[in-house]
Amino acid sequence: MFSELLANRVLWIAVVSWAAAQVLKALIDGVRRKGFSIERLFGAGGMPSSHSSTVCGMTAGVARLCGLESPLFTVSLVVACIVMYDATGVRRAAGEHAKLLNQLLFSKTAEPPSAQKMLKEFLGHTPLQVLAGAALGILIGLVMPI
């Protein structure tokens, strides 16, 4: 059973799409901030969207393996659309709320900042970040062997 999972080519396309986006995200952030952050290799948010890359890579792989008329392709496409919508909507709004709350909390607090936990601000994505992740995932899904 485990060997069948390891032989799943669509799963590997999704994993490679995620990993490529995370590495690119860490590199882009490192250049922008002039310093590498290990958190960017695993964290959410940033350019490109690894969520979008993963689901679009998976969808491209399913399209190649099963065809565009396949119910599996339809399910994969719908899941990809929901994930990308969520990344630019709910998760992005939550990140913006966290940023504002951190500003309020740490600008007028009586307690030192080390005694309080800052909220995570990198949660969602801009439409450009989602588009870049989607393009990366589709590219990987089209070039990796099936």
N, C-alpha and C. Protein backbone atom coordinates (compact mmCIF):
# COMPACT_ATOMS: atom_id res chain seq x y z
N MET A 1 0.83 -1.20 0.00
CA MET A 1 0.00 0.00 0.00
C MET A 1 0.87 1.26 0.00
N PHE A 2 1.93 1.29 0.82
CA PHE A 2 2.81 2.45 0.88
C PHE A 2 3.53 2.66 -0.45
N SER A 3 3.90 1.57 -1.11
CA SER A 3 4.59 1.67 -2.40
C SER A 3 3.66 2.26 -3.46
N GLU A 4 2.36 1.95 -3.37
CA GLU A 4 1.39 2.54 -4.30
C GLU A 4 1.29 4.05 -4.08
N LEU A 5 1.32 4.46 -2.84
CA LEU A 5 1.27 5.89 -2.54
C LEU A 5 2.51 6.59 -3.09
N LEU A 6 3.67 5.98 -2.92
CA LEU A 6 4.92 6.56 -3.43
C LEU A 6 4.96 6.59 -4.96
N ALA A 7 4.21 5.71 -5.60
CA ALA A 7 4.16 5.66 -7.06
C ALA A 7 3.12 6.61 -7.65
N ASN A 8 2.36 7.29 -6.81
CA ASN A 8 1.31 8.20 -7.27
C ASN A 8 1.95 9.45 -7.88
N ARG A 9 1.93 9.54 -9.20
CA ARG A 9 2.60 10.64 -9.90
C ARG A 9 1.93 11.99 -9.66
N VAL A 10 0.62 12.00 -9.54
CA VAL A 10 -0.08 13.26 -9.29
C VAL A 10 0.28 13.78 -7.89
N LEU A 11 0.41 12.90 -6.93
CA LEU A 11 0.85 13.31 -5.60
C LEU A 11 2.23 13.94 -5.66
N TRP A 12 3.15 13.34 -6.42
CA TRP A 12 4.50 13.89 -6.53
C TRP A 12 4.51 15.25 -7.24
N ILE A 13 3.64 15.42 -8.22
CA ILE A 13 3.53 16.72 -8.88
C ILE A 13 3.09 17.77 -7.86
N ALA A 14 2.10 17.43 -7.03
CA ALA A 14 1.63 18.36 -6.00
C ALA A 14 2.74 18.68 -5.00
N VAL A 15 3.48 17.67 -4.57
CA VAL A 15 4.57 17.88 -3.60
C VAL A 15 5.67 18.74 -4.19
N VAL A 16 6.07 18.45 -5.42
CA VAL A 16 7.12 19.25 -6.07
C VAL A 16 6.64 20.68 -6.29
N SER A 17 5.38 20.85 -6.66
CA SER A 17 4.81 22.20 -6.84
C SER A 17 4.85 22.99 -5.54
N TRP A 18 4.48 22.33 -4.44
CA TRP A 18 4.53 22.99 -3.13
C TRP A 18 5.97 23.36 -2.77
N ALA A 19 6.88 22.41 -2.91
CA ALA A 19 8.28 22.64 -2.53
C ALA A 19 8.91 23.75 -3.36
N ALA A 20 8.63 23.75 -4.66
CA ALA A 20 9.19 24.79 -5.53
C ALA A 20 8.69 26.17 -5.11
N ALA A 21 7.41 26.27 -4.80
CA ALA A 21 6.85 27.56 -4.38
C ALA A 21 7.45 28.00 -3.05
N GLN A 22 7.61 27.07 -2.11
CA GLN A 22 8.18 27.43 -0.81
C GLN A 22 9.63 27.90 -0.94
N VAL A 23 10.42 27.22 -1.75
CA VAL A 23 11.82 27.63 -1.96
C VAL A 23 11.87 29.00 -2.63
N LEU A 24 11.06 29.19 -3.67
CA LEU A 24 11.01 30.51 -4.32
C LEU A 24 10.57 31.60 -3.36
N LYS A 25 9.59 31.28 -2.53
CA LYS A 25 9.09 32.24 -1.54
C LYS A 25 10.21 32.66 -0.58
N ALA A 26 10.97 31.68 -0.10
CA ALA A 26 12.08 31.98 0.82
C ALA A 26 13.16 32.80 0.14
N LEU A 27 13.46 32.47 -1.12
CA LEU A 27 14.49 33.23 -1.86
C LEU A 27 14.04 34.66 -2.13
N ILE A 28 12.82 34.83 -2.59
CA ILE A 28 12.29 36.17 -2.88
C ILE A 28 12.24 37.01 -1.61
N ASP A 29 11.77 36.41 -0.52
CA ASP A 29 11.71 37.13 0.76
C ASP A 29 13.12 37.47 1.25
N GLY A 30 14.06 36.54 1.08
CA GLY A 30 15.43 36.78 1.50
C GLY A 30 16.09 37.93 0.76
N VAL A 31 15.84 38.02 -0.54
CA VAL A 31 16.38 39.13 -1.33
C VAL A 31 15.71 40.43 -0.92
N ARG A 32 14.39 40.40 -0.75
CA ARG A 32 13.65 41.60 -0.39
C ARG A 32 14.05 42.15 0.98
N ARG A 33 14.23 41.25 1.94
CA ARG A 33 14.56 41.67 3.31
C ARG A 33 16.06 41.65 3.61
N LYS A 34 16.83 41.22 2.61
CA LYS A 34 18.29 41.12 2.77
C LYS A 34 18.68 40.20 3.92
N GLY A 35 17.99 39.09 4.01
CA GLY A 35 18.29 38.10 5.04
C GLY A 35 17.37 36.90 4.92
N PHE A 36 17.91 35.72 5.10
CA PHE A 36 17.15 34.48 4.96
C PHE A 36 16.38 34.17 6.24
N SER A 37 15.14 33.72 6.09
CA SER A 37 14.32 33.30 7.22
C SER A 37 13.85 31.87 6.97
N ILE A 38 14.21 30.97 7.85
CA ILE A 38 13.81 29.57 7.71
C ILE A 38 12.29 29.42 7.76
N GLU A 39 11.61 30.32 8.46
CA GLU A 39 10.15 30.28 8.57
C GLU A 39 9.50 30.41 7.20
N ARG A 40 10.12 31.14 6.29
CA ARG A 40 9.56 31.34 4.96
C ARG A 40 9.56 30.06 4.14
N LEU A 41 10.40 29.08 4.53
CA LEU A 41 10.40 27.80 3.83
C LEU A 41 9.15 26.98 4.13
N PHE A 42 8.52 27.24 5.26
CA PHE A 42 7.38 26.43 5.69
C PHE A 42 6.12 27.26 5.95
N GLY A 43 6.25 28.57 6.07
CA GLY A 43 5.13 29.42 6.45
C GLY A 43 4.18 29.74 5.31
N ALA A 44 3.01 30.21 5.68
CA ALA A 44 1.99 30.61 4.72
C ALA A 44 2.22 32.06 4.30
N GLY A 45 1.55 32.46 3.24
CA GLY A 45 1.63 33.82 2.75
C GLY A 45 2.89 34.04 1.93
N GLY A 46 2.91 35.11 1.17
CA GLY A 46 4.08 35.47 0.39
C GLY A 46 3.98 35.08 -1.08
N MET A 47 5.06 35.40 -1.79
CA MET A 47 5.13 35.21 -3.24
C MET A 47 6.09 34.09 -3.57
N PRO A 48 5.66 33.11 -4.35
CA PRO A 48 4.33 32.81 -4.87
C PRO A 48 3.52 31.99 -3.86
N SER A 49 2.24 31.88 -4.10
CA SER A 49 1.37 31.11 -3.21
C SER A 49 1.64 29.62 -3.38
N SER A 50 2.09 28.97 -2.32
CA SER A 50 2.34 27.52 -2.39
C SER A 50 1.03 26.74 -2.39
N HIS A 51 -0.01 27.29 -1.76
CA HIS A 51 -1.31 26.63 -1.81
C HIS A 51 -1.80 26.56 -3.26
N SER A 52 -1.71 27.69 -3.96
CA SER A 52 -2.15 27.73 -5.36
C SER A 52 -1.28 26.84 -6.23
N SER A 53 0.01 26.87 -5.99
CA SER A 53 0.93 26.03 -6.76
C SER A 53 0.60 24.55 -6.57
N THR A 54 0.35 24.16 -5.34
CA THR A 54 0.05 22.75 -5.04
C THR A 54 -1.22 22.29 -5.73
N VAL A 55 -2.31 23.03 -5.56
CA VAL A 55 -3.58 22.58 -6.13
C VAL A 55 -3.61 22.70 -7.65
N CYS A 56 -2.92 23.68 -8.20
CA CYS A 56 -2.89 23.80 -9.67
C CYS A 56 -1.98 22.75 -10.29
N GLY A 57 -0.88 22.41 -9.61
CA GLY A 57 -0.05 21.31 -10.08
C GLY A 57 -0.83 20.01 -10.07
N MET A 58 -1.53 19.77 -8.97
CA MET A 58 -2.36 18.57 -8.86
C MET A 58 -3.40 18.54 -9.97
N THR A 59 -4.06 19.65 -10.22
CA THR A 59 -5.11 19.71 -11.23
C THR A 59 -4.55 19.47 -12.62
N ALA A 60 -3.39 20.05 -12.92
CA ALA A 60 -2.76 19.81 -14.22
C ALA A 60 -2.37 18.34 -14.37
N GLY A 61 -1.86 17.75 -13.30
CA GLY A 61 -1.52 16.32 -13.34
C GLY A 61 -2.73 15.44 -13.56
N VAL A 62 -3.82 15.74 -12.87
CA VAL A 62 -5.06 14.98 -13.05
C VAL A 62 -5.57 15.15 -14.47
N ALA A 63 -5.49 16.36 -15.01
CA ALA A 63 -5.94 16.60 -16.39
C ALA A 63 -5.14 15.76 -17.37
N ARG A 64 -3.82 15.70 -17.18
CA ARG A 64 -2.98 14.91 -18.07
C ARG A 64 -3.23 13.41 -17.92
N LEU A 65 -3.43 12.96 -16.70
CA LEU A 65 -3.60 11.53 -16.45
C LEU A 65 -5.00 11.02 -16.79
N CYS A 66 -6.02 11.81 -16.45
CA CYS A 66 -7.41 11.34 -16.57
C CYS A 66 -8.20 12.03 -17.68
N GLY A 67 -7.72 13.16 -18.16
CA GLY A 67 -8.44 13.91 -19.19
C GLY A 67 -9.32 14.99 -18.61
N LEU A 68 -9.62 15.97 -19.45
CA LEU A 68 -10.43 17.12 -19.01
C LEU A 68 -11.90 16.76 -18.77
N GLU A 69 -12.34 15.65 -19.34
CA GLU A 69 -13.74 15.24 -19.17
C GLU A 69 -13.95 14.38 -17.92
N SER A 70 -12.87 14.07 -17.23
CA SER A 70 -12.94 13.19 -16.07
C SER A 70 -13.59 13.88 -14.87
N PRO A 71 -14.42 13.14 -14.12
CA PRO A 71 -14.95 13.68 -12.87
C PRO A 71 -13.84 14.04 -11.87
N LEU A 72 -12.73 13.29 -11.90
CA LEU A 72 -11.60 13.62 -11.02
C LEU A 72 -11.02 15.00 -11.35
N PHE A 73 -10.94 15.32 -12.64
CA PHE A 73 -10.47 16.65 -13.03
C PHE A 73 -11.42 17.72 -12.52
N THR A 74 -12.72 17.46 -12.63
CA THR A 74 -13.72 18.44 -12.17
C THR A 74 -13.57 18.69 -10.67
N VAL A 75 -13.44 17.63 -9.90
CA VAL A 75 -13.27 17.77 -8.45
C VAL A 75 -11.99 18.55 -8.14
N SER A 76 -10.90 18.19 -8.82
CA SER A 76 -9.62 18.86 -8.60
C SER A 76 -9.70 20.35 -8.94
N LEU A 77 -10.35 20.67 -10.05
CA LEU A 77 -10.48 22.06 -10.47
C LEU A 77 -11.32 22.87 -9.48
N VAL A 78 -12.41 22.29 -9.01
CA VAL A 78 -13.26 22.99 -8.05
C VAL A 78 -12.51 23.23 -6.74
N VAL A 79 -11.78 22.21 -6.26
CA VAL A 79 -10.98 22.38 -5.04
C VAL A 79 -9.93 23.47 -5.24
N ALA A 80 -9.27 23.48 -6.39
CA ALA A 80 -8.26 24.51 -6.68
C ALA A 80 -8.88 25.91 -6.65
N CYS A 81 -10.04 26.06 -7.24
CA CYS A 81 -10.72 27.37 -7.24
C CYS A 81 -11.08 27.81 -5.83
N ILE A 82 -11.55 26.89 -5.02
CA ILE A 82 -11.91 27.22 -3.63
C ILE A 82 -10.67 27.63 -2.84
N VAL A 83 -9.59 26.89 -2.99
CA VAL A 83 -8.35 27.20 -2.27
C VAL A 83 -7.83 28.58 -2.67
N MET A 84 -7.84 28.87 -3.96
CA MET A 84 -7.31 30.17 -4.42
C MET A 84 -8.23 31.32 -4.01
N TYR A 85 -9.52 31.10 -4.05
CA TYR A 85 -10.46 32.12 -3.58
C TYR A 85 -10.24 32.40 -2.09
N ASP A 86 -10.10 31.33 -1.33
CA ASP A 86 -9.88 31.46 0.11
C ASP A 86 -8.58 32.19 0.41
N ALA A 87 -7.53 31.91 -0.36
CA ALA A 87 -6.23 32.54 -0.13
C ALA A 87 -6.29 34.05 -0.33
N THR A 88 -7.07 34.51 -1.30
CA THR A 88 -7.16 35.95 -1.56
C THR A 88 -8.28 36.61 -0.78
N GLY A 89 -9.15 35.82 -0.18
CA GLY A 89 -10.29 36.37 0.55
C GLY A 89 -10.13 36.26 2.05
N VAL A 90 -10.62 35.17 2.60
CA VAL A 90 -10.68 34.98 4.04
C VAL A 90 -9.30 35.04 4.68
N ARG A 91 -8.34 34.27 4.14
CA ARG A 91 -7.02 34.22 4.77
C ARG A 91 -6.29 35.56 4.64
N ARG A 92 -6.45 36.24 3.52
CA ARG A 92 -5.81 37.55 3.37
C ARG A 92 -6.40 38.55 4.36
N ALA A 93 -7.72 38.53 4.51
CA ALA A 93 -8.38 39.43 5.47
C ALA A 93 -7.92 39.12 6.89
N ALA A 94 -7.78 37.85 7.23
CA ALA A 94 -7.31 37.48 8.57
C ALA A 94 -5.90 38.02 8.81
N GLY A 95 -5.05 37.97 7.81
CA GLY A 95 -3.70 38.51 7.93
C GLY A 95 -3.71 40.02 8.13
N GLU A 96 -4.59 40.70 7.41
CA GLU A 96 -4.71 42.16 7.57
C GLU A 96 -5.23 42.51 8.96
N HIS A 97 -6.18 41.73 9.46
CA HIS A 97 -6.68 41.95 10.82
C HIS A 97 -5.57 41.73 11.85
N ALA A 98 -4.78 40.69 11.65
CA ALA A 98 -3.67 40.41 12.57
C ALA A 98 -2.67 41.56 12.59
N LYS A 99 -2.39 42.13 11.43
CA LYS A 99 -1.45 43.25 11.34
C LYS A 99 -1.96 44.44 12.14
N LEU A 100 -3.25 44.76 11.96
CA LEU A 100 -3.83 45.89 12.70
C LEU A 100 -3.86 45.62 14.21
N LEU A 101 -4.24 44.42 14.58
CA LEU A 101 -4.28 44.08 16.01
C LEU A 101 -2.88 44.14 16.63
N ASN A 102 -1.87 43.67 15.90
CA ASN A 102 -0.49 43.76 16.42
C ASN A 102 -0.07 45.21 16.61
N GLN A 103 -0.44 46.08 15.66
CA GLN A 103 -0.10 47.50 15.79
C GLN A 103 -0.77 48.10 17.03
N LEU A 104 -2.03 47.78 17.22
CA LEU A 104 -2.75 48.30 18.38
C LEU A 104 -2.18 47.75 19.69
N LEU A 105 -1.96 46.47 19.71
CA LEU A 105 -1.51 45.79 20.91
C LEU A 105 -0.11 46.21 21.33
N PHE A 106 0.79 46.33 20.38
CA PHE A 106 2.18 46.58 20.72
C PHE A 106 2.57 48.06 20.70
N SER A 107 1.65 48.93 20.31
CA SER A 107 1.98 50.35 20.34
C SER A 107 1.57 51.01 21.65
N LYS A 108 0.59 50.42 22.36
CA LYS A 108 0.08 51.06 23.59
C LYS A 108 -0.04 50.09 24.75
N THR A 109 0.72 49.05 24.74
CA THR A 109 0.59 48.05 25.78
C THR A 109 1.40 48.41 27.02
N ALA A 110 0.87 48.05 28.15
CA ALA A 110 1.60 48.25 29.40
C ALA A 110 2.62 47.14 29.61
N GLU A 111 2.32 45.96 29.04
CA GLU A 111 3.24 44.83 29.16
C GLU A 111 4.31 44.93 28.08
N PRO A 112 5.50 44.45 28.37
CA PRO A 112 6.52 44.45 27.32
C PRO A 112 6.12 43.48 26.21
N PRO A 113 6.49 43.76 24.95
CA PRO A 113 6.10 42.89 23.84
C PRO A 113 6.50 41.43 24.03
N SER A 114 7.59 41.16 24.74
CA SER A 114 8.03 39.78 24.93
C SER A 114 7.05 38.97 25.78
N ALA A 115 6.21 39.66 26.57
CA ALA A 115 5.25 38.96 27.42
C ALA A 115 3.97 38.61 26.66
N GLN A 116 3.81 39.17 25.47
CA GLN A 116 2.62 38.92 24.67
C GLN A 116 3.04 38.25 23.36
N LYS A 117 2.14 37.50 22.82
CA LYS A 117 2.42 36.81 21.56
C LYS A 117 1.84 37.60 20.40
N MET A 118 2.70 37.94 19.44
CA MET A 118 2.22 38.62 18.24
C MET A 118 1.43 37.65 17.37
N LEU A 119 0.39 38.17 16.73
CA LEU A 119 -0.41 37.36 15.82
C LEU A 119 0.33 37.20 14.49
N LYS A 120 0.16 36.07 13.85
CA LYS A 120 0.80 35.80 12.56
C LYS A 120 0.12 36.64 11.48
N GLU A 121 0.92 37.43 10.78
CA GLU A 121 0.38 38.33 9.77
C GLU A 121 0.44 37.76 8.36
N PHE A 122 1.38 36.85 8.10
CA PHE A 122 1.50 36.24 6.78
C PHE A 122 0.54 35.06 6.69
N LEU A 123 -0.67 35.31 6.22
CA LEU A 123 -1.66 34.25 6.11
C LEU A 123 -2.17 34.08 4.69
N GLY A 124 -2.59 35.14 4.09
CA GLY A 124 -3.21 35.08 2.77
C GLY A 124 -2.30 35.61 1.69
N HIS A 125 -2.89 35.85 0.52
CA HIS A 125 -2.13 36.25 -0.64
C HIS A 125 -2.84 37.35 -1.42
N THR A 126 -2.05 38.12 -2.15
CA THR A 126 -2.60 39.06 -3.12
C THR A 126 -2.98 38.25 -4.36
N PRO A 127 -3.83 38.80 -5.20
CA PRO A 127 -4.16 38.08 -6.44
C PRO A 127 -2.92 37.76 -7.29
N LEU A 128 -1.94 38.64 -7.31
CA LEU A 128 -0.72 38.38 -8.08
C LEU A 128 0.06 37.18 -7.51
N GLN A 129 0.12 37.07 -6.20
CA GLN A 129 0.80 35.94 -5.57
C GLN A 129 0.09 34.62 -5.89
N VAL A 130 -1.24 34.65 -5.90
CA VAL A 130 -2.03 33.47 -6.24
C VAL A 130 -1.82 33.11 -7.71
N LEU A 131 -1.83 34.10 -8.58
CA LEU A 131 -1.63 33.87 -10.01
C LEU A 131 -0.24 33.28 -10.27
N ALA A 132 0.78 33.82 -9.60
CA ALA A 132 2.14 33.30 -9.77
C ALA A 132 2.23 31.85 -9.28
N GLY A 133 1.61 31.55 -8.15
CA GLY A 133 1.60 30.18 -7.65
C GLY A 133 0.87 29.24 -8.59
N ALA A 134 -0.26 29.70 -9.11
CA ALA A 134 -1.03 28.88 -10.05
C ALA A 134 -0.21 28.58 -11.30
N ALA A 135 0.44 29.60 -11.85
CA ALA A 135 1.27 29.41 -13.05
C ALA A 135 2.41 28.43 -12.79
N LEU A 136 3.06 28.57 -11.64
CA LEU A 136 4.15 27.65 -11.27
C LEU A 136 3.63 26.21 -11.18
N GLY A 137 2.53 26.01 -10.50
CA GLY A 137 1.96 24.67 -10.35
C GLY A 137 1.56 24.06 -11.68
N ILE A 138 0.92 24.86 -12.53
CA ILE A 138 0.51 24.36 -13.85
C ILE A 138 1.73 23.98 -14.66
N LEU A 139 2.76 24.82 -14.64
CA LEU A 139 3.99 24.52 -15.37
C LEU A 139 4.60 23.20 -14.90
N ILE A 140 4.71 23.04 -13.59
CA ILE A 140 5.28 21.80 -13.04
C ILE A 140 4.38 20.61 -13.40
N GLY A 141 3.07 20.80 -13.32
CA GLY A 141 2.14 19.72 -13.67
C GLY A 141 2.20 19.31 -15.12
N LEU A 142 2.63 20.23 -15.97
CA LEU A 142 2.73 19.92 -17.39
C LEU A 142 4.08 19.31 -17.78
N VAL A 143 5.13 19.63 -17.03
CA VAL A 143 6.46 19.14 -17.42
C VAL A 143 6.91 17.88 -16.69
N MET A 144 6.38 17.62 -15.51
CA MET A 144 6.77 16.41 -14.80
C MET A 144 6.19 15.18 -15.50
N PRO A 145 6.93 14.09 -15.50
CA PRO A 145 6.42 12.88 -16.17
C PRO A 145 5.20 12.29 -15.45
N ILE A 146 4.30 11.79 -16.26
CA ILE A 146 3.08 11.13 -15.74
C ILE A 146 3.23 9.64 -15.86
